[in-house]
Amino acid sequence: MKLLNGKLSEDRKSFNISFEAANRIFGKNAAGSPFTVYAPGKYQQEIVREWSYAVEAGGKIVDSWPIDHFENSDYRLCVYGPNGFFREFAGNSKDAMIDLSHTYKSGNIEVKLINRSPSLQYSVEITDNAYKTAKQVKLLRKNAAAAIVIDTTKSFGWYDFSIKIKGLALFEKRYAGRVETGKPGYSDPAMGFPVS
C-alpha cells in the first residue's frame, strides 16, 4: 500500500514529502513502489524539474524542497506512482497551521485534520474531482481535530479529491488513486465510463 503525505516544515522554509510503501495490510506479499515528483513551473530557475524515488516494501523516504527555490516562493509539487496514484501539493509559507493525513478504512478514505493554530479557525472544503460525491465543508476550530470520510463505494475504490481552505487561494492538496484492499478491482470509472 502506497502512503504519501506532504507538509511545510516547522520553520516554514521548506516543503517535506514522506514516501512510504507500507506492508501493514499485505505483510510478506507487499511490494515496493516507485514515485516520481515534478515541479511544474520554475524551480531553481529551471522549467519543470523532476526527481525519482524507489521505496522498498515496508520502507519510507523523506525529502524536502526549499520554498525559496520555487518561483515567487509559491510551491507546487506533483507526485506520481503506480496504479493511478497521484498527489499534488500547492501553497506558500503562509499556509494554515493544519496537519492533514489520510488512512484507508474499510475500502473508504478517512481524512484527518488537526488545527495547530491557538487563535485561528479554518473552513476546510473537500471537493470530489471525478466521481460526483457531494462537497464536504468542515469548520476546524482553533486547537481542534476532525475527521471526514470519503466514500469510494460507487467508484469501486477509486478516488480523486482536493482539500482547500477558504481564504487561502494558493493552498491545495489533491489526492487521487485507488484504495488497495487486496481484492480484485475494476477499471477507473472516470476513464470514460459513467458512475452509477
N, C-alpha and C. Protein backbone atom coordinates (compact mmCIF):
# COMPACT_ATOMS: atom_id res chain seq x y z
N MET A 1 0.83 -1.18 0.00
CA MET A 1 0.00 0.00 0.00
C MET A 1 0.88 1.24 0.00
N LYS A 2 0.61 2.16 -0.93
CA LYS A 2 1.39 3.38 -1.04
C LYS A 2 0.79 4.45 -0.14
N LEU A 3 1.61 5.04 0.71
CA LEU A 3 1.18 6.15 1.56
C LEU A 3 2.11 7.32 1.29
N LEU A 4 1.57 8.49 1.25
CA LEU A 4 2.39 9.65 0.96
C LEU A 4 1.70 10.88 1.50
N ASN A 5 2.46 11.73 2.17
CA ASN A 5 1.89 12.98 2.62
C ASN A 5 2.96 14.05 2.58
N GLY A 6 2.53 15.28 2.48
CA GLY A 6 3.46 16.40 2.42
C GLY A 6 2.99 17.54 3.27
N LYS A 7 3.94 18.28 3.84
CA LYS A 7 3.58 19.45 4.64
C LYS A 7 4.78 20.39 4.77
N LEU A 8 4.49 21.62 5.16
CA LEU A 8 5.53 22.59 5.42
C LEU A 8 6.35 22.16 6.63
N SER A 9 7.64 22.49 6.60
CA SER A 9 8.47 22.25 7.77
C SER A 9 8.04 23.19 8.88
N GLU A 10 8.47 22.91 10.10
CA GLU A 10 8.09 23.74 11.25
C GLU A 10 8.53 25.18 11.07
N ASP A 11 9.70 25.41 10.43
CA ASP A 11 10.17 26.78 10.24
C ASP A 11 9.59 27.44 8.98
N ARG A 12 8.74 26.70 8.24
CA ARG A 12 8.05 27.20 7.05
C ARG A 12 9.01 27.58 5.92
N LYS A 13 10.19 27.00 5.91
CA LYS A 13 11.17 27.31 4.88
C LYS A 13 11.29 26.23 3.82
N SER A 14 10.68 25.08 4.04
CA SER A 14 10.74 24.01 3.05
C SER A 14 9.46 23.19 3.09
N PHE A 15 9.22 22.46 2.00
CA PHE A 15 8.07 21.56 1.94
C PHE A 15 8.62 20.14 1.95
N ASN A 16 8.11 19.32 2.86
CA ASN A 16 8.61 17.96 3.04
C ASN A 16 7.58 16.94 2.56
N ILE A 17 8.07 15.90 1.89
CA ILE A 17 7.20 14.80 1.47
C ILE A 17 7.75 13.50 2.03
N SER A 18 6.85 12.71 2.59
CA SER A 18 7.19 11.40 3.12
C SER A 18 6.60 10.33 2.20
N PHE A 19 7.46 9.50 1.61
CA PHE A 19 7.06 8.43 0.70
C PHE A 19 7.12 7.11 1.47
N GLU A 20 6.07 6.30 1.39
CA GLU A 20 6.07 5.04 2.12
C GLU A 20 5.42 3.93 1.30
N ALA A 21 6.03 2.76 1.31
CA ALA A 21 5.44 1.56 0.71
C ALA A 21 5.11 0.64 1.89
N ALA A 22 3.95 0.88 2.48
CA ALA A 22 3.59 0.20 3.73
C ALA A 22 3.32 -1.29 3.51
N ASN A 23 3.61 -2.09 4.52
CA ASN A 23 3.36 -3.53 4.44
C ASN A 23 2.45 -4.01 5.57
N ARG A 24 1.70 -3.07 6.18
CA ARG A 24 0.84 -3.43 7.31
C ARG A 24 -0.35 -4.31 6.89
N ILE A 25 -0.85 -4.13 5.68
CA ILE A 25 -2.01 -4.91 5.23
C ILE A 25 -1.57 -6.19 4.53
N PHE A 26 -0.59 -6.10 3.64
CA PHE A 26 -0.22 -7.26 2.81
C PHE A 26 0.96 -8.07 3.35
N GLY A 27 1.60 -7.59 4.40
CA GLY A 27 2.69 -8.35 5.03
C GLY A 27 3.78 -8.73 4.05
N LYS A 28 4.11 -10.04 3.99
CA LYS A 28 5.19 -10.53 3.12
C LYS A 28 4.86 -10.36 1.64
N ASN A 29 3.59 -10.19 1.30
CA ASN A 29 3.18 -10.02 -0.10
C ASN A 29 3.24 -8.56 -0.56
N ALA A 30 3.62 -7.66 0.35
CA ALA A 30 3.70 -6.23 -0.01
C ALA A 30 4.84 -6.02 -1.01
N ALA A 31 4.67 -5.03 -1.86
CA ALA A 31 5.68 -4.69 -2.85
C ALA A 31 6.20 -3.28 -2.60
N GLY A 32 7.40 -3.02 -3.08
CA GLY A 32 7.92 -1.67 -3.03
C GLY A 32 7.21 -0.79 -4.05
N SER A 33 7.59 0.47 -4.12
CA SER A 33 6.90 1.36 -5.04
C SER A 33 7.83 2.45 -5.57
N PRO A 34 7.73 2.75 -6.88
CA PRO A 34 8.44 3.91 -7.42
C PRO A 34 7.56 5.15 -7.30
N PHE A 35 8.18 6.31 -7.17
CA PHE A 35 7.47 7.58 -7.18
C PHE A 35 8.27 8.56 -8.03
N THR A 36 7.57 9.42 -8.76
CA THR A 36 8.21 10.49 -9.50
C THR A 36 7.57 11.81 -9.08
N VAL A 37 8.40 12.79 -8.74
CA VAL A 37 7.93 14.11 -8.32
C VAL A 37 8.29 15.11 -9.40
N TYR A 38 7.31 15.94 -9.78
CA TYR A 38 7.51 17.00 -10.75
C TYR A 38 7.24 18.34 -10.07
N ALA A 39 8.03 19.34 -10.44
CA ALA A 39 7.77 20.72 -10.01
C ALA A 39 7.39 21.50 -11.26
N PRO A 40 6.08 21.64 -11.54
CA PRO A 40 5.65 22.42 -12.70
C PRO A 40 6.06 23.89 -12.52
N GLY A 41 6.31 24.57 -13.58
CA GLY A 41 6.76 25.95 -13.46
C GLY A 41 8.25 26.00 -13.19
N LYS A 42 8.72 27.07 -12.59
CA LYS A 42 10.15 27.24 -12.37
C LYS A 42 10.56 26.78 -10.97
N TYR A 43 11.65 26.02 -10.94
CA TYR A 43 12.26 25.61 -9.68
C TYR A 43 13.76 25.80 -9.86
N GLN A 44 14.37 26.62 -9.01
CA GLN A 44 15.78 27.00 -9.16
C GLN A 44 16.05 27.52 -10.56
N GLN A 45 15.15 28.35 -11.04
CA GLN A 45 15.26 29.00 -12.35
C GLN A 45 15.16 28.05 -13.54
N GLU A 46 14.88 26.78 -13.32
CA GLU A 46 14.70 25.83 -14.42
C GLU A 46 13.22 25.49 -14.55
N ILE A 47 12.79 25.23 -15.78
CA ILE A 47 11.38 24.90 -16.01
C ILE A 47 11.19 23.39 -15.92
N VAL A 48 10.24 22.96 -15.13
CA VAL A 48 9.86 21.57 -14.89
C VAL A 48 11.06 20.72 -14.45
N ARG A 49 11.18 20.56 -13.17
CA ARG A 49 12.20 19.69 -12.58
C ARG A 49 11.53 18.39 -12.15
N GLU A 50 12.30 17.31 -12.10
CA GLU A 50 11.73 16.04 -11.64
C GLU A 50 12.74 15.26 -10.81
N TRP A 51 12.20 14.43 -9.91
CA TRP A 51 13.00 13.59 -9.03
C TRP A 51 12.35 12.21 -8.98
N SER A 52 13.16 11.16 -8.95
CA SER A 52 12.64 9.79 -8.91
C SER A 52 13.07 9.10 -7.62
N TYR A 53 12.16 8.26 -7.09
CA TYR A 53 12.41 7.55 -5.84
C TYR A 53 11.96 6.10 -5.99
N ALA A 54 12.62 5.21 -5.27
CA ALA A 54 12.20 3.82 -5.18
C ALA A 54 12.18 3.45 -3.70
N VAL A 55 11.01 3.05 -3.21
CA VAL A 55 10.85 2.72 -1.78
C VAL A 55 10.60 1.23 -1.66
N GLU A 56 11.40 0.55 -0.85
CA GLU A 56 11.22 -0.89 -0.67
C GLU A 56 10.00 -1.16 0.20
N ALA A 57 9.45 -2.37 0.10
CA ALA A 57 8.30 -2.76 0.90
C ALA A 57 8.61 -2.58 2.38
N GLY A 58 7.74 -1.87 3.07
CA GLY A 58 7.94 -1.58 4.48
C GLY A 58 8.86 -0.40 4.72
N GLY A 59 9.35 0.22 3.64
CA GLY A 59 10.31 1.32 3.76
C GLY A 59 9.66 2.69 3.68
N LYS A 60 10.47 3.69 3.98
CA LYS A 60 10.00 5.08 3.99
C LYS A 60 11.17 5.99 3.63
N ILE A 61 10.90 7.00 2.82
CA ILE A 61 11.89 8.00 2.43
C ILE A 61 11.26 9.37 2.64
N VAL A 62 12.02 10.32 3.16
CA VAL A 62 11.56 11.70 3.32
C VAL A 62 12.50 12.61 2.56
N ASP A 63 11.94 13.54 1.79
CA ASP A 63 12.75 14.53 1.08
C ASP A 63 12.12 15.90 1.28
N SER A 64 12.89 16.95 1.01
CA SER A 64 12.36 18.31 1.21
C SER A 64 12.81 19.23 0.08
N TRP A 65 12.01 20.26 -0.16
CA TRP A 65 12.24 21.25 -1.19
C TRP A 65 12.17 22.63 -0.55
N PRO A 66 13.25 23.43 -0.61
CA PRO A 66 13.21 24.78 -0.04
C PRO A 66 12.17 25.65 -0.75
N ILE A 67 11.36 26.35 0.01
CA ILE A 67 10.29 27.18 -0.54
C ILE A 67 10.87 28.27 -1.45
N ASP A 68 12.01 28.85 -1.07
CA ASP A 68 12.54 29.95 -1.88
C ASP A 68 13.15 29.49 -3.21
N HIS A 69 13.17 28.19 -3.47
CA HIS A 69 13.62 27.70 -4.78
C HIS A 69 12.51 27.72 -5.82
N PHE A 70 11.26 27.89 -5.36
CA PHE A 70 10.12 27.98 -6.27
C PHE A 70 9.92 29.43 -6.70
N GLU A 71 9.38 29.60 -7.89
CA GLU A 71 9.11 30.95 -8.39
C GLU A 71 8.14 31.66 -7.44
N ASN A 72 8.49 32.87 -7.02
CA ASN A 72 7.70 33.67 -6.07
C ASN A 72 7.51 32.98 -4.73
N SER A 73 8.30 31.95 -4.45
CA SER A 73 8.20 31.17 -3.20
C SER A 73 6.83 30.52 -3.04
N ASP A 74 6.16 30.24 -4.16
CA ASP A 74 4.88 29.51 -4.16
C ASP A 74 5.18 28.09 -4.62
N TYR A 75 5.08 27.14 -3.70
CA TYR A 75 5.44 25.77 -4.06
C TYR A 75 4.31 25.06 -4.79
N ARG A 76 4.69 24.15 -5.67
CA ARG A 76 3.74 23.25 -6.32
C ARG A 76 4.50 22.00 -6.73
N LEU A 77 4.08 20.87 -6.19
CA LEU A 77 4.72 19.59 -6.49
C LEU A 77 3.66 18.56 -6.84
N CYS A 78 3.91 17.78 -7.90
CA CYS A 78 3.02 16.70 -8.32
C CYS A 78 3.76 15.38 -8.17
N VAL A 79 3.11 14.40 -7.55
CA VAL A 79 3.74 13.11 -7.28
C VAL A 79 2.94 12.01 -7.99
N TYR A 80 3.64 11.19 -8.77
CA TYR A 80 3.00 10.08 -9.48
C TYR A 80 3.58 8.76 -9.00
N GLY A 81 2.69 7.76 -8.89
CA GLY A 81 3.09 6.41 -8.54
C GLY A 81 2.28 5.43 -9.38
N PRO A 82 2.45 4.12 -9.15
CA PRO A 82 1.73 3.12 -9.94
C PRO A 82 0.23 3.08 -9.65
N ASN A 83 -0.51 2.48 -10.59
CA ASN A 83 -1.94 2.22 -10.43
C ASN A 83 -2.77 3.49 -10.21
N GLY A 84 -2.45 4.55 -10.95
CA GLY A 84 -3.23 5.78 -10.87
C GLY A 84 -2.94 6.64 -9.66
N PHE A 85 -1.91 6.30 -8.89
CA PHE A 85 -1.58 7.06 -7.67
C PHE A 85 -1.09 8.44 -8.04
N PHE A 86 -1.67 9.49 -7.42
CA PHE A 86 -1.30 10.87 -7.71
C PHE A 86 -1.53 11.73 -6.47
N ARG A 87 -0.61 12.64 -6.22
CA ARG A 87 -0.75 13.65 -5.18
C ARG A 87 -0.26 14.97 -5.74
N GLU A 88 -0.92 16.06 -5.33
CA GLU A 88 -0.46 17.39 -5.71
C GLU A 88 -0.54 18.29 -4.50
N PHE A 89 0.53 19.06 -4.29
CA PHE A 89 0.61 19.96 -3.15
C PHE A 89 0.95 21.36 -3.65
N ALA A 90 0.18 22.36 -3.22
CA ALA A 90 0.44 23.74 -3.65
C ALA A 90 0.16 24.68 -2.48
N GLY A 91 0.93 25.75 -2.43
CA GLY A 91 0.75 26.74 -1.37
C GLY A 91 1.97 27.61 -1.23
N ASN A 92 2.14 28.19 -0.04
CA ASN A 92 3.32 29.01 0.24
C ASN A 92 3.57 29.01 1.75
N SER A 93 4.49 29.84 2.19
CA SER A 93 4.86 29.84 3.61
C SER A 93 3.76 30.36 4.52
N LYS A 94 2.69 30.93 3.94
CA LYS A 94 1.58 31.44 4.74
C LYS A 94 0.46 30.41 4.90
N ASP A 95 0.71 29.17 4.54
CA ASP A 95 -0.30 28.11 4.68
C ASP A 95 -0.86 28.07 6.10
N ALA A 96 -2.09 27.60 6.20
CA ALA A 96 -2.72 27.41 7.51
C ALA A 96 -1.93 26.38 8.32
N MET A 97 -2.00 26.51 9.63
CA MET A 97 -1.31 25.58 10.52
C MET A 97 -2.17 24.33 10.72
N ILE A 98 -2.42 23.62 9.63
CA ILE A 98 -3.27 22.42 9.68
C ILE A 98 -2.45 21.21 9.22
N ASP A 99 -2.49 20.17 10.00
CA ASP A 99 -1.89 18.90 9.61
C ASP A 99 -2.97 18.04 8.96
N LEU A 100 -2.68 17.52 7.77
CA LEU A 100 -3.61 16.67 7.05
C LEU A 100 -2.99 15.30 6.88
N SER A 101 -3.76 14.28 7.13
CA SER A 101 -3.31 12.92 6.85
C SER A 101 -4.52 12.11 6.43
N HIS A 102 -4.28 10.94 5.86
CA HIS A 102 -5.40 10.09 5.46
C HIS A 102 -5.04 8.64 5.69
N THR A 103 -6.07 7.86 5.96
CA THR A 103 -5.91 6.41 6.11
C THR A 103 -7.01 5.73 5.32
N TYR A 104 -6.77 4.48 4.96
CA TYR A 104 -7.78 3.70 4.27
C TYR A 104 -8.56 2.93 5.33
N LYS A 105 -9.89 3.05 5.27
CA LYS A 105 -10.73 2.46 6.30
C LYS A 105 -11.90 1.74 5.65
N SER A 106 -11.87 0.41 5.69
CA SER A 106 -12.94 -0.42 5.13
C SER A 106 -13.23 -0.09 3.67
N GLY A 107 -12.19 0.18 2.89
CA GLY A 107 -12.38 0.49 1.47
C GLY A 107 -12.64 1.94 1.19
N ASN A 108 -12.85 2.75 2.22
CA ASN A 108 -13.03 4.18 2.06
C ASN A 108 -11.77 4.91 2.54
N ILE A 109 -11.79 6.23 2.48
CA ILE A 109 -10.66 7.03 2.93
C ILE A 109 -11.13 7.93 4.06
N GLU A 110 -10.37 7.95 5.13
CA GLU A 110 -10.65 8.86 6.23
C GLU A 110 -9.58 9.94 6.25
N VAL A 111 -10.00 11.19 6.09
CA VAL A 111 -9.09 12.33 6.11
C VAL A 111 -9.09 12.91 7.52
N LYS A 112 -7.92 13.01 8.11
CA LYS A 112 -7.80 13.56 9.46
C LYS A 112 -7.21 14.96 9.39
N LEU A 113 -7.85 15.88 10.09
CA LEU A 113 -7.45 17.29 10.10
C LEU A 113 -7.12 17.70 11.52
N ILE A 114 -5.99 18.37 11.71
CA ILE A 114 -5.63 18.89 13.02
C ILE A 114 -5.23 20.35 12.86
N ASN A 115 -5.95 21.24 13.53
CA ASN A 115 -5.63 22.67 13.50
C ASN A 115 -4.67 22.96 14.65
N ARG A 116 -3.43 23.32 14.31
CA ARG A 116 -2.43 23.60 15.33
C ARG A 116 -2.40 25.07 15.74
N SER A 117 -3.27 25.89 15.14
CA SER A 117 -3.28 27.31 15.48
C SER A 117 -3.99 27.53 16.82
N PRO A 118 -3.37 28.29 17.72
CA PRO A 118 -4.04 28.59 19.00
C PRO A 118 -5.07 29.71 18.90
N SER A 119 -5.13 30.38 17.73
CA SER A 119 -6.02 31.55 17.64
C SER A 119 -6.90 31.60 16.41
N LEU A 120 -6.63 30.78 15.37
CA LEU A 120 -7.38 30.87 14.13
C LEU A 120 -8.21 29.62 13.88
N GLN A 121 -9.38 29.81 13.29
CA GLN A 121 -10.17 28.67 12.83
C GLN A 121 -10.24 28.73 11.31
N TYR A 122 -10.47 27.57 10.68
CA TYR A 122 -10.44 27.49 9.23
C TYR A 122 -11.65 26.73 8.72
N SER A 123 -12.14 27.15 7.56
CA SER A 123 -13.20 26.43 6.86
C SER A 123 -12.53 25.57 5.79
N VAL A 124 -12.58 24.25 5.99
CA VAL A 124 -11.91 23.30 5.10
C VAL A 124 -12.93 22.72 4.14
N GLU A 125 -12.62 22.73 2.84
CA GLU A 125 -13.50 22.20 1.81
C GLU A 125 -12.87 21.00 1.13
N ILE A 126 -13.62 19.91 1.04
CA ILE A 126 -13.15 18.73 0.32
C ILE A 126 -14.07 18.52 -0.87
N THR A 127 -13.48 18.59 -2.06
CA THR A 127 -14.24 18.52 -3.31
C THR A 127 -13.85 17.28 -4.10
N ASP A 128 -14.84 16.52 -4.53
CA ASP A 128 -14.62 15.36 -5.41
C ASP A 128 -14.40 15.88 -6.82
N ASN A 129 -13.28 15.51 -7.43
CA ASN A 129 -12.96 16.00 -8.77
C ASN A 129 -13.45 15.10 -9.90
N ALA A 130 -13.95 13.89 -9.59
CA ALA A 130 -14.26 12.96 -10.68
C ALA A 130 -15.51 12.11 -10.47
N TYR A 131 -15.91 11.81 -9.24
CA TYR A 131 -16.90 10.76 -9.02
C TYR A 131 -18.24 11.23 -8.47
N LYS A 132 -18.47 12.54 -8.48
CA LYS A 132 -19.77 13.13 -8.21
C LYS A 132 -20.29 12.93 -6.79
N THR A 133 -19.40 12.78 -5.82
CA THR A 133 -19.87 12.79 -4.44
C THR A 133 -19.95 14.24 -3.99
N ALA A 134 -20.78 14.51 -3.01
CA ALA A 134 -21.05 15.88 -2.59
C ALA A 134 -19.83 16.52 -1.92
N LYS A 135 -19.69 17.83 -2.12
CA LYS A 135 -18.64 18.58 -1.44
C LYS A 135 -18.88 18.53 0.06
N GLN A 136 -17.81 18.42 0.83
CA GLN A 136 -17.91 18.43 2.29
C GLN A 136 -17.17 19.65 2.82
N VAL A 137 -17.79 20.33 3.77
CA VAL A 137 -17.18 21.51 4.39
C VAL A 137 -17.13 21.27 5.89
N LYS A 138 -15.98 21.55 6.47
CA LYS A 138 -15.81 21.33 7.91
C LYS A 138 -15.16 22.57 8.51
N LEU A 139 -15.80 23.11 9.56
CA LEU A 139 -15.21 24.23 10.30
C LEU A 139 -14.27 23.64 11.33
N LEU A 140 -13.01 23.99 11.20
CA LEU A 140 -11.99 23.45 12.10
C LEU A 140 -11.59 24.55 13.08
N ARG A 141 -12.07 24.43 14.30
CA ARG A 141 -11.81 25.45 15.32
C ARG A 141 -10.37 25.39 15.79
N LYS A 142 -9.92 26.44 16.48
CA LYS A 142 -8.54 26.50 16.95
C LYS A 142 -8.23 25.33 17.88
N ASN A 143 -7.04 24.79 17.72
CA ASN A 143 -6.57 23.65 18.53
C ASN A 143 -7.54 22.47 18.51
N ALA A 144 -8.19 22.24 17.37
CA ALA A 144 -9.19 21.16 17.29
C ALA A 144 -8.81 20.17 16.20
N ALA A 145 -9.43 19.00 16.26
CA ALA A 145 -9.20 17.95 15.26
C ALA A 145 -10.55 17.48 14.73
N ALA A 146 -10.54 16.95 13.52
CA ALA A 146 -11.77 16.43 12.91
C ALA A 146 -11.38 15.35 11.90
N ALA A 147 -12.36 14.54 11.54
CA ALA A 147 -12.15 13.51 10.53
C ALA A 147 -13.32 13.52 9.55
N ILE A 148 -13.01 13.32 8.27
CA ILE A 148 -14.03 13.27 7.22
C ILE A 148 -13.81 12.00 6.42
N VAL A 149 -14.90 11.27 6.16
CA VAL A 149 -14.80 10.03 5.40
C VAL A 149 -15.17 10.28 3.95
N ILE A 150 -14.33 9.81 3.03
CA ILE A 150 -14.60 9.87 1.60
C ILE A 150 -15.10 8.48 1.19
N ASP A 151 -16.35 8.41 0.79
CA ASP A 151 -16.96 7.12 0.40
C ASP A 151 -16.58 6.78 -1.04
N THR A 152 -15.91 5.65 -1.22
CA THR A 152 -15.47 5.24 -2.56
C THR A 152 -16.26 4.05 -3.10
N THR A 153 -17.38 3.73 -2.46
CA THR A 153 -18.15 2.54 -2.83
C THR A 153 -18.60 2.58 -4.30
N LYS A 154 -19.19 3.70 -4.73
CA LYS A 154 -19.73 3.78 -6.08
C LYS A 154 -18.65 3.86 -7.15
N SER A 155 -17.43 4.21 -6.75
CA SER A 155 -16.34 4.31 -7.73
C SER A 155 -15.37 3.13 -7.62
N PHE A 156 -15.81 2.05 -6.96
CA PHE A 156 -15.01 0.83 -6.84
C PHE A 156 -13.64 1.06 -6.19
N GLY A 157 -13.60 1.98 -5.24
CA GLY A 157 -12.36 2.25 -4.53
C GLY A 157 -11.51 3.36 -5.13
N TRP A 158 -11.88 3.85 -6.31
CA TRP A 158 -11.13 4.94 -6.93
C TRP A 158 -11.53 6.26 -6.30
N TYR A 159 -10.60 7.18 -6.19
CA TYR A 159 -10.87 8.49 -5.58
C TYR A 159 -10.05 9.57 -6.26
N ASP A 160 -10.54 10.79 -6.20
CA ASP A 160 -9.85 11.97 -6.70
C ASP A 160 -10.50 13.18 -6.03
N PHE A 161 -9.88 13.67 -4.98
CA PHE A 161 -10.47 14.80 -4.26
C PHE A 161 -9.41 15.83 -3.91
N SER A 162 -9.86 17.07 -3.74
CA SER A 162 -8.98 18.18 -3.37
C SER A 162 -9.41 18.75 -2.04
N ILE A 163 -8.43 19.19 -1.28
CA ILE A 163 -8.67 19.85 0.01
C ILE A 163 -8.20 21.28 -0.12
N LYS A 164 -9.10 22.21 0.13
CA LYS A 164 -8.78 23.63 0.08
C LYS A 164 -9.25 24.29 1.37
N ILE A 165 -8.72 25.48 1.61
CA ILE A 165 -9.09 26.23 2.80
C ILE A 165 -9.59 27.59 2.37
N LYS A 166 -10.80 27.94 2.81
CA LYS A 166 -11.40 29.20 2.42
C LYS A 166 -10.51 30.36 2.86
N GLY A 167 -10.24 31.27 1.92
CA GLY A 167 -9.42 32.44 2.21
C GLY A 167 -7.95 32.26 1.87
N LEU A 168 -7.53 31.03 1.55
CA LEU A 168 -6.14 30.78 1.15
C LEU A 168 -6.14 30.29 -0.29
N ALA A 169 -6.05 31.22 -1.22
CA ALA A 169 -6.24 30.92 -2.64
C ALA A 169 -5.20 29.94 -3.18
N LEU A 170 -3.98 29.96 -2.68
CA LEU A 170 -2.92 29.12 -3.24
C LEU A 170 -2.90 27.71 -2.66
N PHE A 171 -3.48 27.53 -1.48
CA PHE A 171 -3.37 26.24 -0.79
C PHE A 171 -4.29 25.19 -1.42
N GLU A 172 -3.71 24.04 -1.77
CA GLU A 172 -4.50 22.90 -2.24
C GLU A 172 -3.69 21.62 -2.06
N LYS A 173 -4.37 20.58 -1.59
CA LYS A 173 -3.80 19.25 -1.58
C LYS A 173 -4.77 18.36 -2.34
N ARG A 174 -4.24 17.66 -3.33
CA ARG A 174 -5.08 16.79 -4.15
C ARG A 174 -4.61 15.35 -4.02
N TYR A 175 -5.56 14.44 -3.85
CA TYR A 175 -5.28 13.02 -3.66
C TYR A 175 -6.07 12.23 -4.70
N ALA A 176 -5.40 11.35 -5.45
CA ALA A 176 -6.10 10.51 -6.42
C ALA A 176 -5.45 9.14 -6.47
N GLY A 177 -6.25 8.14 -6.80
CA GLY A 177 -5.74 6.77 -6.90
C GLY A 177 -6.84 5.76 -6.61
N ARG A 178 -6.43 4.61 -6.09
CA ARG A 178 -7.39 3.56 -5.76
C ARG A 178 -7.04 2.97 -4.41
N VAL A 179 -8.06 2.75 -3.59
CA VAL A 179 -7.85 2.10 -2.29
C VAL A 179 -7.46 0.65 -2.55
N GLU A 180 -6.33 0.26 -2.04
CA GLU A 180 -5.83 -1.10 -2.26
C GLU A 180 -6.24 -2.00 -1.10
N THR A 181 -7.07 -2.99 -1.40
CA THR A 181 -7.57 -3.90 -0.37
C THR A 181 -7.09 -5.33 -0.55
N GLY A 182 -6.47 -5.62 -1.69
CA GLY A 182 -6.05 -6.98 -1.99
C GLY A 182 -7.10 -7.76 -2.76
N LYS A 183 -8.31 -7.21 -2.87
CA LYS A 183 -9.38 -7.87 -3.62
C LYS A 183 -9.29 -7.46 -5.09
N PRO A 184 -9.85 -8.27 -6.00
CA PRO A 184 -9.87 -7.88 -7.42
C PRO A 184 -10.54 -6.52 -7.59
N GLY A 185 -10.00 -5.71 -8.49
CA GLY A 185 -10.53 -4.37 -8.68
C GLY A 185 -11.19 -4.19 -10.02
N TYR A 186 -11.65 -2.98 -10.25
CA TYR A 186 -12.30 -2.60 -11.50
C TYR A 186 -11.53 -1.42 -12.09
N SER A 187 -11.66 -1.26 -13.40
CA SER A 187 -11.04 -0.11 -14.06
C SER A 187 -11.64 1.17 -13.51
N ASP A 188 -10.87 2.23 -13.57
CA ASP A 188 -11.30 3.53 -13.09
C ASP A 188 -12.53 3.98 -13.87
N PRO A 189 -13.69 4.14 -13.20
CA PRO A 189 -14.90 4.53 -13.93
C PRO A 189 -14.84 5.94 -14.50
N ALA A 190 -13.88 6.75 -14.08
CA ALA A 190 -13.77 8.10 -14.64
C ALA A 190 -13.08 8.10 -15.99
N MET A 191 -12.61 6.94 -16.45
CA MET A 191 -11.95 6.85 -17.75
C MET A 191 -12.95 6.58 -18.87
N GLY A 192 -14.01 7.35 -18.89
CA GLY A 192 -14.96 7.25 -19.99
C GLY A 192 -16.21 6.43 -19.71
N PHE A 193 -16.29 5.82 -18.51
CA PHE A 193 -17.47 5.04 -18.19
C PHE A 193 -18.24 5.78 -17.11
N PRO A 194 -19.56 5.91 -17.23
CA PRO A 194 -20.34 6.64 -16.24
C PRO A 194 -20.37 5.90 -14.90
N VAL A 195 -20.37 6.69 -13.83
CA VAL A 195 -20.51 6.14 -12.48
C VAL A 195 -21.98 6.08 -12.16
N SER A 196 -22.51 4.90 -11.79
CA SER A 196 -23.94 4.79 -11.50
C SER A 196 -24.24 5.22 -10.08
